[in-house]
Amino acid sequence: MESPAHSINLLFEQLGLDSNDEAIDMFISKHKSIEYHGLLHEADFWSRSQADFLKQAVDEDADWAMVVDQLDSMLR
């Protein structure tokens, strides 16, 4: 399996969120499991543009898709 083209830190940066490891851990802890049970982009904690980016990354199997899947796993 290939490694992701982008890191989780770069994904958070792309989403306009704090991208340091501590901020990512806090985000995951805050939103893990209890916030959503459907598709990642449908979670109510995303802005419209963030949700659109996440959906597009997966739908188009873009370079970001693997790290978006990683984030989805981290939040479940």
Protein backbone atom coordinates (compact mmCIF):
# COMPACT_ATOMS: atom_id res chain seq x y z
CA MET A 1 0.00 0.00 0.00
CA GLU A 2 1.33 3.41 -0.93
CA SER A 3 1.77 6.05 1.71
CA PRO A 4 -0.59 9.02 1.47
CA ALA A 5 0.49 11.87 -0.79
CA HIS A 6 -0.45 14.26 2.03
CA SER A 7 -0.19 14.10 5.81
CA ILE A 8 -2.96 14.57 8.33
CA ASN A 9 -1.25 17.84 9.31
CA LEU A 10 -1.47 19.11 5.73
CA LEU A 11 -5.13 18.08 5.56
CA PHE A 12 -5.92 20.12 8.66
CA GLU A 13 -4.02 23.03 7.13
CA GLN A 14 -6.03 22.64 3.90
CA LEU A 15 -9.24 22.67 5.95
CA GLY A 16 -8.17 25.91 7.63
CA LEU A 17 -7.72 24.26 11.03
CA ASP A 18 -4.81 24.31 13.45
CA SER A 19 -2.45 21.71 12.05
CA ASN A 20 0.00 20.97 14.84
CA ASP A 21 -0.16 17.53 16.44
CA GLU A 22 -1.62 18.78 19.72
CA ALA A 23 -4.42 20.69 17.97
CA ILE A 24 -5.24 17.66 15.82
CA ASP A 25 -5.39 15.42 18.90
CA MET A 26 -7.72 17.91 20.61
CA PHE A 27 -9.95 18.09 17.52
CA ILE A 28 -10.16 14.28 17.35
CA SER A 29 -10.93 14.02 21.07
CA LYS A 30 -13.63 16.68 20.82
CA HIS A 31 -15.40 15.19 17.80
CA LYS A 32 -14.69 11.46 18.09
CA SER A 33 -17.69 9.13 17.64
CA ILE A 34 -20.34 11.18 19.40
CA GLU A 35 -20.62 13.86 16.74
CA TYR A 36 -21.56 11.80 13.69
CA HIS A 37 -22.33 8.31 12.49
CA GLY A 38 -22.68 8.83 8.74
CA LEU A 39 -20.31 10.02 6.06
CA LEU A 40 -17.42 12.17 7.19
CA HIS A 41 -18.42 15.20 5.14
CA GLU A 42 -21.95 15.11 6.64
CA ALA A 43 -20.74 15.74 10.19
CA ASP A 44 -22.18 18.95 11.58
CA PHE A 45 -18.83 20.30 12.78
CA TRP A 46 -17.58 21.09 9.24
CA SER A 47 -18.16 24.37 7.47
CA ARG A 48 -19.77 24.11 4.04
CA SER A 49 -16.43 24.55 2.25
CA GLN A 50 -14.70 21.97 4.47
CA ALA A 51 -17.50 19.45 3.87
CA ASP A 52 -17.37 20.09 0.11
CA PHE A 53 -13.59 19.56 0.08
CA LEU A 54 -13.84 16.28 2.03
CA LYS A 55 -16.65 14.97 -0.19
CA GLN A 56 -14.85 15.92 -3.39
CA ALA A 57 -11.59 14.32 -2.22
CA VAL A 58 -13.32 10.97 -1.68
CA ASP A 59 -15.71 11.15 -4.67
CA GLU A 60 -12.88 11.89 -7.08
CA ASP A 61 -10.40 9.56 -5.36
CA ALA A 62 -8.07 12.56 -5.30
CA ASP A 63 -4.59 12.70 -3.78
CA TRP A 64 -6.28 13.71 -0.53
CA ALA A 65 -8.56 10.64 -0.40
CA MET A 66 -6.24 8.42 1.65
CA VAL A 67 -5.64 11.01 4.34
CA VAL A 68 -9.36 11.90 4.40
CA ASP A 69 -10.06 8.20 5.00
CA GLN A 70 -7.43 8.26 7.75
CA LEU A 71 -9.21 11.19 9.41
CA ASP A 72 -12.54 9.37 9.10
CA SER A 73 -11.03 6.36 10.89
CA MET A 74 -9.54 8.53 13.60
CA LEU A 75 -12.94 10.06 14.32
CA ARG A 76 -14.78 6.74 14.66
